[in-house]
């Protein structure tokens, strides 16, 4: 249940309209119907962060179950279909990193502008991460 709630929160924080807009702005919207559309790949990448200790297959299963539970999320996923790790890797490469960068900028905009002096160093925003252990 917690997995489904986590995916539901992702769908709330990153609404499909926002994801679609960012994908379009980055110029990576698919030209034809794909098994792994850009929107699904974005949510898959976000789910990978949420379930960092899980493999591709387990993350995929949690994502599909969570999106189904979240209701109102329109995506065409074939029931029982699970993409291969190679297909996911190719879809991630096709999506690129700019989509995730723009998505972060949309939802986590800076509280301070570049004119705020100490909030930026050499044009880069300072970030503090508290309460984490990175191995």
Protein backbone atom coordinates (compact mmCIF):
# COMPACT_ATOMS: atom_id res chain seq x y z
CA UNK A 1 0.00 0.00 0.00
CA UNK A 2 2.82 2.42 0.83
CA UNK A 3 4.28 1.87 -2.65
CA UNK A 4 0.98 2.80 -4.26
CA UNK A 5 0.63 5.89 -2.10
CA UNK A 6 4.18 6.94 -3.04
CA UNK A 7 3.35 6.71 -6.75
CA UNK A 8 0.09 8.57 -6.11
CA UNK A 9 2.04 11.38 -4.48
CA UNK A 10 4.40 11.50 -7.48
CA UNK A 11 1.40 11.80 -9.79
CA UNK A 12 0.05 14.64 -7.62
CA UNK A 13 3.34 16.58 -7.34
CA UNK A 14 4.17 16.00 -11.01
CA UNK A 15 0.76 16.15 -12.74
CA UNK A 16 0.54 14.60 -16.23
CA UNK A 17 -0.10 18.02 -17.80
CA UNK A 18 3.17 19.35 -16.36
CA UNK A 19 5.11 16.28 -17.48
CA UNK A 20 3.64 16.52 -21.00
CA UNK A 21 4.48 20.24 -21.22
CA UNK A 22 8.08 19.69 -20.11
CA UNK A 23 8.49 16.78 -22.54
CA UNK A 24 7.16 18.96 -25.38
CA UNK A 25 9.43 21.88 -24.45
CA UNK A 26 12.43 19.55 -24.51
CA UNK A 27 11.41 18.39 -28.00
CA UNK A 28 11.36 14.68 -27.19
CA UNK A 29 7.65 13.95 -27.58
CA UNK A 30 7.16 10.70 -29.47
CA UNK A 31 6.01 10.93 -33.08
CA UNK A 32 4.19 7.60 -32.95
CA UNK A 33 2.49 5.50 -30.28
CA UNK A 34 5.18 3.72 -28.28
CA UNK A 35 5.06 1.00 -25.68
CA UNK A 36 7.02 3.31 -23.38
CA UNK A 37 5.76 6.85 -24.03
CA UNK A 38 7.84 9.75 -22.71
CA UNK A 39 5.35 10.47 -19.93
CA UNK A 40 5.63 6.91 -18.59
CA UNK A 41 9.44 7.05 -18.79
CA UNK A 42 9.44 10.26 -16.71
CA UNK A 43 7.29 8.62 -14.03
CA UNK A 44 9.48 5.53 -14.20
CA UNK A 45 12.59 7.65 -13.53
CA UNK A 46 10.86 9.35 -10.61
CA UNK A 47 9.81 5.94 -9.28
CA UNK A 48 13.42 4.74 -9.58
CA UNK A 49 14.40 7.50 -7.15
CA UNK A 50 11.55 6.60 -4.82
CA UNK A 51 12.37 2.87 -4.88
CA UNK A 52 16.14 3.13 -5.27
CA UNK A 53 16.78 -0.32 -3.77
CA UNK A 54 14.59 -2.08 -6.36
CA UNK A 55 15.49 -3.32 -9.82
CA UNK A 56 13.85 -2.21 -13.07
CA UNK A 57 11.23 -4.96 -12.97
CA UNK A 58 10.17 -4.30 -9.42
CA UNK A 59 10.05 -0.53 -9.98
CA UNK A 60 7.92 -1.11 -13.10
CA UNK A 61 5.44 -3.28 -11.18
CA UNK A 62 5.16 -0.70 -8.39
CA UNK A 63 4.69 2.09 -10.94
CA UNK A 64 1.92 0.30 -12.84
CA UNK A 65 0.12 -0.67 -9.62
CA UNK A 66 0.50 2.84 -8.21
CA UNK A 67 -0.74 4.62 -11.33
CA UNK A 68 -3.73 2.29 -11.46
CA UNK A 69 -4.42 3.03 -7.79
CA UNK A 70 -4.01 6.81 -8.28
CA UNK A 71 -7.00 6.80 -10.69
CA UNK A 72 -7.57 9.60 -13.14
CA UNK A 73 -4.15 8.95 -14.62
CA UNK A 74 -4.67 8.16 -18.27
CA UNK A 75 -1.91 6.03 -19.72
CA UNK A 76 -2.10 3.09 -22.07
CA UNK A 77 -0.23 0.22 -20.46
CA UNK A 78 -0.78 -3.33 -21.59
CA UNK A 79 -1.75 -5.43 -18.60
CA UNK A 80 1.02 -7.85 -17.74
CA UNK A 81 3.45 -6.15 -20.13
CA UNK A 82 6.86 -5.58 -18.62
CA UNK A 83 9.55 -3.89 -20.69
CA UNK A 84 13.00 -5.41 -20.85
CA UNK A 85 15.89 -3.59 -19.16
CA UNK A 86 17.25 -2.84 -22.65
CA UNK A 87 13.95 -1.21 -23.69
CA UNK A 88 13.96 0.92 -20.55
CA UNK A 89 17.58 1.95 -21.12
CA UNK A 90 16.78 2.93 -24.72
CA UNK A 91 13.70 4.89 -23.59
CA UNK A 92 15.77 6.71 -20.95
CA UNK A 93 18.38 7.60 -23.56
CA UNK A 94 15.65 8.80 -25.94
CA UNK A 95 14.15 10.99 -23.19
CA UNK A 96 17.46 12.58 -22.21
CA UNK A 97 18.41 14.48 -19.08
CA UNK A 98 16.99 17.87 -20.04
CA UNK A 99 13.42 16.75 -19.33
CA UNK A 100 14.28 15.87 -15.74
CA UNK A 101 16.23 19.12 -15.33
CA UNK A 102 13.27 21.17 -16.57
CA UNK A 103 10.86 19.20 -14.42
CA UNK A 104 12.98 19.92 -11.35
CA UNK A 105 13.12 23.61 -12.26
CA UNK A 106 9.32 23.69 -12.57
CA UNK A 107 8.55 22.15 -9.18
CA UNK A 108 11.59 23.22 -7.16
CA UNK A 109 12.13 26.77 -8.29
CA UNK A 110 14.74 28.75 -6.41
CA UNK A 111 13.60 30.77 -3.42
CA UNK A 112 16.40 33.23 -4.12
CA UNK A 113 17.27 34.80 -7.44
CA UNK A 114 20.79 35.00 -8.85
CA UNK A 115 20.94 38.57 -7.57
CA UNK A 116 20.69 37.21 -4.01
CA UNK A 117 24.46 36.84 -3.75
CA UNK A 118 25.21 33.91 -1.44
CA UNK A 119 22.46 31.67 -2.88
CA UNK A 120 24.57 31.11 -6.03
CA UNK A 121 28.27 30.47 -6.63
CA UNK A 122 29.65 30.70 -10.17
CA UNK A 123 26.11 30.61 -11.57
CA UNK A 124 25.20 27.43 -9.69
CA UNK A 125 22.53 27.20 -6.99
CA UNK A 126 23.77 26.07 -3.58
CA UNK A 127 21.91 23.06 -2.17
CA UNK A 128 21.99 21.50 1.29
CA UNK A 129 20.94 17.91 1.90
CA UNK A 130 20.28 17.15 5.55
CA UNK A 131 19.58 13.83 7.20
CA UNK A 132 20.84 11.58 4.40
CA UNK A 133 23.54 8.98 4.17
CA UNK A 134 24.91 8.49 0.68
CA UNK A 135 26.96 5.34 0.12
